Amino acid sequence: MDEITKEFTNNSFFETGDLGLHPAYNRPKTTASAERVLANLFHSEACALVRGSGTAAIRITLSMVVEPGDFVIVHKAPMYKTTQETFRMMGLKQIAVNYNEKGALQKALESDNTSKVFYIQHARQKPTDIYDLKETIAFVKKKRPDLFIVVDDNYCAMKMKGIGVEYGAHLSTFSGFKLMGPEGIGVILGPETIINKIHESNYSGGGQVQGQEAHALLRGMTAAPVMLAVQNEQVEQLCRYLNENKTSFVKEAYMTNSQSKNVIIELNEPIAQVVIEKAAKYGAATYPVGAESKYELVPMIYRVSGSFLESQPHLKEYGLRVNPMKSSAATVIRILNAAINEIVRG
């Protein structure tokens, strides 16, 4: 809000936005104002709001710093499907390195002489990931100052203490939809030279994030940290309860930041798919809309993420991903108990 008051003066925040290509900005002036707010908020030189959510933000960002056929250093772990598709579409070649092993990372950085980009995902790609984003960025910059460091900050912006650009990365990307903003808006933060190139390449009225959408994004992002803080408390309470009050069905529960901060429940019996099916009957959401979007209020009881399943296939039948969303741990426990009791009776 402090940054908003610096940019929106004389009651202009009560005007929800303009449309089209304003002559001074080649995009809506409200969108340009929102971008300045976000750049200042995340201590970045500049910001671009783009259509296509976090996926397009990553795609557009990579297109600014690599050419088809270039090599990119990536973490040796299952990659999100949409990011994998971006690499395929752009013809990018991967050099996979285990970011959890500093020795392996150092060896790869020292032996590589072809890569242009070091690509790192802020959220965990597999349950065993332990690399620290801030430390990894500093290490790469020291060893290879020539590499562009691009960070996928989806699921982590406004939840973690900092994001990629705040830790020294060149570029950060994330989805505004995951922060209670409108559908389909991606956020790119980085140097003014690259952000200006993005704006220049998007000279089309229909391709712009319109003023009222940018305004709605700021309003959503103002509320998101408060809602997420309450949600975080409920996630921790749920995990603690499940481990302290284990039933014969719960093997263990642990928190992960896999797409969102949630509780993974490992079951003693291969009944995960049936629990999910029954949970819907008692009010749970059994599929996501946008990883904590403005529509996701009821608790979600769902399968574990695709990248987790790649590394631990048994979780398909034994694992549940549970996020209270804007409900309470008590509501989740009630729904789980009802679902499992019905399975037992059956």
Protein backbone atom coordinates (compact mmCIF):
# COMPACT_ATOMS: atom_id res chain seq x y z
CA MET A 1 0.00 0.00 0.00
CA ASP A 2 2.92 2.32 0.63
CA GLU A 3 4.05 1.91 -2.98
CA ILE A 4 0.48 2.32 -4.27
CA THR A 5 0.14 5.69 -2.50
CA LYS A 6 3.34 6.92 -4.16
CA GLU A 7 2.06 6.10 -7.64
CA PHE A 8 -1.69 6.71 -7.40
CA THR A 9 -2.24 10.27 -6.17
CA ASN A 10 -5.14 12.75 -6.23
CA ASN A 11 -7.72 9.98 -5.68
CA SER A 12 -6.69 8.24 -8.91
CA PHE A 13 -6.86 4.83 -7.20
CA PHE A 14 -10.64 5.23 -7.30
CA GLU A 15 -10.41 5.17 -11.11
CA THR A 16 -10.21 1.52 -12.05
CA GLY A 17 -8.27 1.86 -15.28
CA ASP A 18 -8.05 2.67 -18.97
CA LEU A 19 -7.83 0.62 -22.16
CA GLY A 20 -5.58 0.31 -25.17
CA LEU A 21 -2.32 1.93 -26.20
CA HIS A 22 -1.89 5.19 -24.32
CA PRO A 23 0.51 7.35 -26.41
CA ALA A 24 2.89 7.97 -23.51
CA TYR A 25 3.33 4.29 -22.62
CA ASN A 26 2.20 2.18 -25.62
CA ARG A 27 0.00 0.36 -23.10
CA PRO A 28 -2.72 1.47 -20.69
CA LYS A 29 -1.40 4.13 -18.31
CA THR A 30 -2.94 2.33 -15.31
CA THR A 31 -1.06 -0.81 -16.32
CA ALA A 32 2.17 1.20 -16.50
CA SER A 33 1.45 2.60 -13.02
CA ALA A 34 0.76 -0.88 -11.62
CA GLU A 35 4.02 -2.12 -13.14
CA ARG A 36 5.96 0.66 -11.41
CA VAL A 37 4.31 -0.25 -8.10
CA LEU A 38 5.32 -3.90 -8.48
CA ALA A 39 8.86 -3.06 -9.59
CA ASN A 40 9.36 -0.91 -6.50
CA LEU A 41 7.68 -3.46 -4.24
CA PHE A 42 10.06 -6.22 -5.34
CA HIS A 43 13.14 -3.96 -5.57
CA SER A 44 13.48 -4.45 -9.30
CA GLU A 45 14.37 -1.97 -12.03
CA ALA A 46 11.20 -2.61 -14.02
CA CYS A 47 8.15 -4.83 -14.44
CA ALA A 48 6.01 -6.10 -17.32
CA LEU A 49 2.51 -7.48 -16.95
CA VAL A 50 1.76 -10.00 -19.70
CA ARG A 51 -1.09 -12.20 -20.83
CA GLY A 52 -0.86 -15.95 -20.35
CA SER A 53 -0.22 -16.10 -16.60
CA GLY A 54 2.98 -17.55 -15.14
CA THR A 55 3.50 -19.88 -18.10
CA ALA A 56 3.65 -17.02 -20.60
CA ALA A 57 5.77 -14.96 -18.21
CA ILE A 58 8.40 -17.72 -18.25
CA ARG A 59 8.10 -18.21 -22.00
CA ILE A 60 8.43 -14.51 -22.81
CA THR A 61 11.30 -14.07 -20.36
CA LEU A 62 13.29 -16.94 -21.86
CA SER A 63 12.65 -15.62 -25.38
CA MET A 64 14.41 -12.39 -24.37
CA VAL A 65 17.64 -14.07 -23.21
CA VAL A 66 18.05 -17.20 -25.37
CA GLU A 67 17.69 -18.26 -28.98
CA PRO A 68 16.24 -21.56 -30.26
CA GLY A 69 18.78 -24.33 -29.76
CA ASP A 70 20.61 -22.63 -26.89
CA PHE A 71 21.64 -24.52 -23.77
CA VAL A 72 20.05 -23.80 -20.39
CA ILE A 73 21.20 -25.16 -17.03
CA VAL A 74 18.25 -26.66 -15.14
CA HIS A 75 17.72 -28.62 -11.94
CA LYS A 76 17.91 -32.41 -12.30
CA ALA A 77 14.30 -33.05 -11.31
CA PRO A 78 10.89 -33.41 -12.93
CA MET A 79 10.00 -30.11 -14.60
CA TYR A 80 6.52 -28.60 -14.58
CA LYS A 81 4.68 -29.72 -17.71
CA THR A 82 4.07 -26.19 -18.99
CA THR A 83 7.73 -25.26 -18.55
CA GLN A 84 8.76 -28.48 -20.27
CA GLU A 85 6.53 -27.51 -23.19
CA THR A 86 8.14 -24.06 -23.33
CA PHE A 87 11.58 -25.68 -23.64
CA ARG A 88 10.25 -27.95 -26.40
CA MET A 89 8.60 -25.11 -28.32
CA MET A 90 11.73 -22.98 -28.15
CA GLY A 91 14.06 -25.87 -29.00
CA LEU A 92 16.11 -25.26 -25.84
CA LYS A 93 18.61 -27.87 -24.74
CA GLN A 94 18.85 -28.76 -21.07
CA ILE A 95 21.96 -29.32 -19.02
CA ALA A 96 20.53 -31.01 -15.93
CA VAL A 97 22.40 -30.58 -12.65
CA ASN A 98 21.41 -31.55 -9.12
CA TYR A 99 21.11 -28.17 -7.38
CA ASN A 100 21.02 -29.95 -4.00
CA GLU A 101 24.68 -30.99 -4.40
CA LYS A 102 26.94 -27.97 -4.34
CA GLY A 103 29.92 -29.97 -5.61
CA ALA A 104 28.01 -31.19 -8.65
CA LEU A 105 26.76 -27.66 -9.33
CA GLN A 106 30.27 -26.21 -9.10
CA LYS A 107 31.65 -28.86 -11.44
CA ALA A 108 28.88 -28.20 -13.98
CA LEU A 109 29.39 -24.44 -13.87
CA GLU A 110 33.13 -24.74 -14.32
CA SER A 111 32.99 -27.29 -17.16
CA ASP A 112 30.12 -25.65 -19.08
CA ASN A 113 30.97 -23.12 -21.78
CA THR A 114 27.81 -23.17 -23.86
CA SER A 115 24.89 -22.22 -21.61
CA LYS A 116 23.43 -18.74 -21.56
CA VAL A 117 20.89 -19.14 -18.76
CA PHE A 118 20.75 -20.66 -15.30
CA TYR A 119 17.09 -21.52 -14.72
CA ILE A 120 15.88 -22.19 -11.18
CA GLN A 121 12.47 -22.85 -9.69
CA HIS A 122 11.78 -21.31 -6.29
CA ALA A 123 9.19 -23.92 -5.23
CA ARG A 124 10.37 -27.48 -4.70
CA GLN A 125 10.37 -29.71 -7.77
CA LYS A 126 10.58 -32.90 -5.71
CA PRO A 127 10.07 -33.66 -2.00
CA THR A 128 13.80 -34.14 -1.35
CA ASP A 129 14.90 -30.71 -2.65
CA ILE A 130 16.95 -28.81 -0.08
CA TYR A 131 18.72 -26.11 -2.12
CA ASP A 132 18.45 -22.56 -0.80
CA LEU A 133 17.44 -20.10 -3.52
CA LYS A 134 19.40 -17.13 -2.17
CA GLU A 135 22.59 -19.13 -1.61
CA THR A 136 22.33 -20.83 -5.01
CA ILE A 137 21.92 -17.52 -6.85
CA ALA A 138 24.94 -16.02 -5.04
CA PHE A 139 27.02 -19.13 -5.81
CA VAL A 140 26.14 -19.07 -9.53
CA LYS A 141 26.84 -15.34 -9.84
CA LYS A 142 30.25 -15.81 -8.24
CA LYS A 143 31.21 -18.77 -10.43
CA ARG A 144 29.56 -17.69 -13.68
CA PRO A 145 28.76 -13.95 -13.82
CA ASP A 146 28.09 -14.33 -17.56
CA LEU A 147 24.92 -16.41 -17.02
CA PHE A 148 21.47 -14.89 -16.95
CA ILE A 149 19.69 -16.20 -13.83
CA VAL A 150 15.97 -16.69 -14.43
CA VAL A 151 13.76 -17.65 -11.48
CA ASP A 152 10.30 -19.17 -11.61
CA ASP A 153 8.81 -17.64 -8.45
CA ASN A 154 5.35 -19.12 -8.95
CA TYR A 155 3.76 -20.22 -5.66
CA CYS A 156 6.39 -18.32 -3.66
CA ALA A 157 5.90 -14.60 -4.35
CA MET A 158 4.49 -12.85 -1.26
CA LYS A 159 4.84 -16.07 0.76
CA MET A 160 8.61 -16.28 1.12
CA LYS A 161 10.81 -13.53 2.56
CA GLY A 162 12.10 -12.67 -0.88
CA ILE A 163 11.95 -13.70 -4.53
CA GLY A 164 14.60 -14.24 -7.19
CA VAL A 165 15.27 -10.64 -8.19
CA GLU A 166 15.48 -9.62 -4.54
CA TYR A 167 18.18 -12.26 -4.07
CA GLY A 168 20.24 -11.08 -7.02
CA ALA A 169 18.71 -12.99 -9.96
CA HIS A 170 18.36 -11.12 -13.24
CA LEU A 171 14.71 -11.98 -13.84
CA SER A 172 11.74 -13.25 -11.82
CA THR A 173 8.42 -14.51 -13.12
CA PHE A 174 5.17 -15.47 -11.43
CA SER A 175 1.41 -15.57 -11.90
CA GLY A 176 -0.86 -12.84 -10.56
CA PHE A 177 -3.78 -15.29 -10.56
CA LYS A 178 -2.14 -17.15 -7.67
CA LEU A 179 -2.21 -13.92 -5.65
CA MET A 180 -5.96 -13.29 -5.91
CA GLY A 181 -5.59 -11.34 -9.14
CA PRO A 182 -7.56 -11.71 -12.39
CA GLU A 183 -7.17 -14.73 -14.62
CA GLY A 184 -4.28 -14.97 -17.03
CA ILE A 185 -1.90 -12.22 -15.88
CA GLY A 186 1.80 -12.98 -15.63
CA VAL A 187 4.38 -10.79 -13.88
CA ILE A 188 7.95 -10.34 -15.09
CA LEU A 189 10.51 -8.39 -13.04
CA GLY A 190 14.00 -7.51 -14.17
CA PRO A 191 16.35 -4.99 -15.78
CA GLU A 192 14.83 -2.07 -17.63
CA THR A 193 16.63 -3.04 -20.85
CA ILE A 194 14.93 -6.44 -21.00
CA ILE A 195 11.55 -5.23 -19.74
CA ASN A 196 11.55 -2.49 -22.41
CA LYS A 197 12.21 -5.17 -25.06
CA ILE A 198 9.19 -7.08 -23.78
CA HIS A 199 6.99 -4.01 -24.07
CA GLU A 200 8.30 -3.27 -27.57
CA SER A 201 7.61 -6.82 -28.73
CA ASN A 202 4.04 -6.64 -27.44
CA TYR A 203 2.88 -3.60 -29.41
CA SER A 204 -0.74 -4.70 -29.85
CA GLY A 205 -3.83 -3.30 -28.19
CA GLY A 206 -5.38 -6.74 -27.80
CA GLY A 207 -2.23 -8.16 -26.26
CA GLN A 208 -2.13 -5.71 -23.39
CA VAL A 209 -3.07 -6.30 -19.79
CA GLN A 210 -5.78 -3.66 -19.68
CA GLY A 211 -5.91 -0.96 -17.02
CA GLN A 212 -8.79 -2.39 -15.01
CA GLU A 213 -7.10 -5.81 -14.93
CA ALA A 214 -3.85 -4.32 -13.63
CA HIS A 215 -5.85 -2.40 -11.02
CA ALA A 216 -7.63 -5.60 -9.96
CA LEU A 217 -4.24 -7.32 -9.66
CA LEU A 218 -3.01 -4.69 -7.21
CA ARG A 219 -6.20 -5.01 -5.16
CA GLY A 220 -5.87 -8.79 -5.03
CA MET A 221 -2.19 -8.66 -4.13
CA THR A 222 -2.96 -6.26 -1.29
CA ALA A 223 -5.29 -8.82 0.32
CA ALA A 224 -3.33 -11.97 -0.58
CA PRO A 225 -0.56 -11.80 2.06
CA VAL A 226 -3.09 -11.46 4.89
CA MET A 227 -5.20 -14.37 3.64
CA LEU A 228 -2.09 -16.47 3.02
CA ALA A 229 -0.77 -15.78 6.52
CA VAL A 230 -4.00 -17.06 8.06
CA GLN A 231 -3.95 -20.03 5.69
CA ASN A 232 -0.35 -20.77 6.65
CA GLU A 233 -1.36 -21.05 10.30
CA GLN A 234 -4.09 -23.53 9.39
CA VAL A 235 -1.69 -25.64 7.27
CA GLU A 236 0.70 -25.92 10.21
CA GLN A 237 -2.14 -26.67 12.63
CA LEU A 238 -3.49 -29.39 10.33
CA CYS A 239 -0.08 -31.05 9.95
CA ARG A 240 0.54 -30.97 13.68
CA TYR A 241 -2.88 -32.45 14.44
CA LEU A 242 -2.48 -35.30 11.94
CA ASN A 243 0.90 -36.32 13.35
CA GLU A 244 -0.18 -36.02 17.00
CA ASN A 245 -3.49 -37.82 16.50
CA LYS A 246 -2.60 -40.49 13.97
CA THR A 247 -5.31 -42.90 12.97
CA SER A 248 -4.66 -46.35 11.55
CA PHE A 249 -4.88 -44.79 8.08
CA VAL A 250 -2.29 -42.02 8.45
CA LYS A 251 1.34 -43.10 8.13
CA GLU A 252 2.73 -39.57 8.33
CA ALA A 253 1.95 -35.99 7.39
CA TYR A 254 4.45 -33.34 6.32
CA MET A 255 4.34 -29.86 4.86
CA THR A 256 5.68 -29.06 1.41
CA ASN A 257 5.75 -26.03 -0.84
CA SER A 258 4.62 -27.96 -3.90
CA GLN A 259 2.62 -25.48 -5.99
CA SER A 260 1.34 -24.09 -2.68
CA LYS A 261 2.19 -24.66 0.95
CA ASN A 262 0.17 -27.70 1.86
CA VAL A 263 0.13 -30.94 3.80
CA ILE A 264 1.06 -34.20 2.13
CA ILE A 265 -0.59 -37.12 3.90
CA GLU A 266 0.92 -40.55 3.31
CA LEU A 267 -1.62 -43.29 4.01
CA ASN A 268 -1.03 -46.81 5.25
CA GLU A 269 -3.48 -48.20 2.70
CA PRO A 270 -3.70 -47.54 -1.09
CA ILE A 271 -7.01 -45.66 -0.81
CA ALA A 272 -5.98 -42.13 -1.82
CA GLN A 273 -8.14 -42.02 -4.95
CA VAL A 274 -11.21 -43.23 -3.02
CA VAL A 275 -10.65 -40.68 -0.24
CA ILE A 276 -10.49 -37.91 -2.84
CA GLU A 277 -13.72 -39.11 -4.45
CA LYS A 278 -15.53 -39.28 -1.10
CA ALA A 279 -14.16 -35.92 0.10
CA ALA A 280 -16.01 -34.13 -2.70
CA LYS A 281 -19.28 -35.42 -1.26
CA TYR A 282 -18.49 -33.68 2.04
CA GLY A 283 -17.63 -30.30 0.52
CA ALA A 284 -13.95 -30.46 -0.44
CA ALA A 285 -12.60 -29.28 -3.76
CA THR A 286 -10.89 -32.19 -5.49
CA TYR A 287 -9.10 -30.21 -8.20
CA PRO A 288 -7.46 -26.78 -8.28
CA VAL A 289 -8.46 -23.66 -10.19
CA GLY A 290 -5.25 -21.68 -9.96
CA ALA A 291 -3.24 -22.62 -6.88
CA GLU A 292 -4.86 -20.31 -4.33
CA SER A 293 -6.70 -18.11 -6.78
CA LYS A 294 -9.51 -15.82 -5.67
CA TYR A 295 -11.99 -18.64 -6.37
CA GLU A 296 -10.35 -21.19 -4.08
CA LEU A 297 -12.00 -20.78 -0.70
CA VAL A 298 -13.12 -24.31 0.20
CA PRO A 299 -10.42 -26.79 1.26
CA MET A 300 -8.75 -28.86 -1.44
CA ILE A 301 -8.11 -32.60 -1.04
CA TYR A 302 -6.35 -33.69 -4.19
CA ARG A 303 -3.65 -35.92 -5.66
CA VAL A 304 -0.03 -34.92 -5.12
CA SER A 305 1.57 -32.80 -7.85
CA GLY A 306 2.66 -34.33 -11.15
CA SER A 307 6.34 -33.59 -10.54
CA PHE A 308 6.13 -35.30 -7.12
CA LEU A 309 4.46 -38.32 -8.71
CA GLU A 310 7.28 -38.59 -11.22
CA SER A 311 9.80 -38.89 -8.41
CA GLN A 312 7.60 -40.95 -6.04
CA PRO A 313 4.98 -42.88 -8.08
CA HIS A 314 3.61 -44.75 -5.04
CA LEU A 315 2.03 -41.49 -3.84
CA LYS A 316 -0.65 -41.87 -6.52
CA GLU A 317 -2.38 -44.48 -4.37
CA TYR A 318 -0.93 -43.63 -0.97
CA GLY A 319 -0.69 -39.82 -0.99
CA LEU A 320 -3.07 -36.90 -0.52
CA ARG A 321 -2.29 -33.23 -1.05
CA VAL A 322 -4.39 -31.14 1.34
CA ASN A 323 -4.69 -27.36 1.42
CA PRO A 324 -7.22 -25.74 3.82
CA MET A 325 -7.37 -22.72 1.46
CA LYS A 326 -9.58 -20.18 3.26
CA SER A 327 -11.20 -22.70 5.59
CA SER A 328 -9.85 -24.09 8.87
CA ALA A 329 -7.86 -27.16 9.84
CA ALA A 330 -10.95 -28.29 11.76
CA THR A 331 -13.03 -28.28 8.57
CA VAL A 332 -10.43 -30.38 6.76
CA ILE A 333 -10.30 -32.89 9.62
CA ARG A 334 -14.10 -33.17 9.65
CA ILE A 335 -14.19 -33.87 5.91
CA LEU A 336 -11.33 -36.39 6.04
CA ASN A 337 -12.91 -38.24 8.96
CA ALA A 338 -16.27 -38.38 7.18
CA ALA A 339 -14.69 -39.65 3.94
CA ILE A 340 -12.57 -42.32 5.66
CA ASN A 341 -15.42 -43.46 7.92
CA GLU A 342 -17.57 -44.00 4.84
CA ILE A 343 -14.81 -46.08 3.25
CA VAL A 344 -14.52 -48.16 6.45
CA ARG A 345 -18.28 -48.75 6.56
CA GLY A 346 -18.16 -49.77 2.90
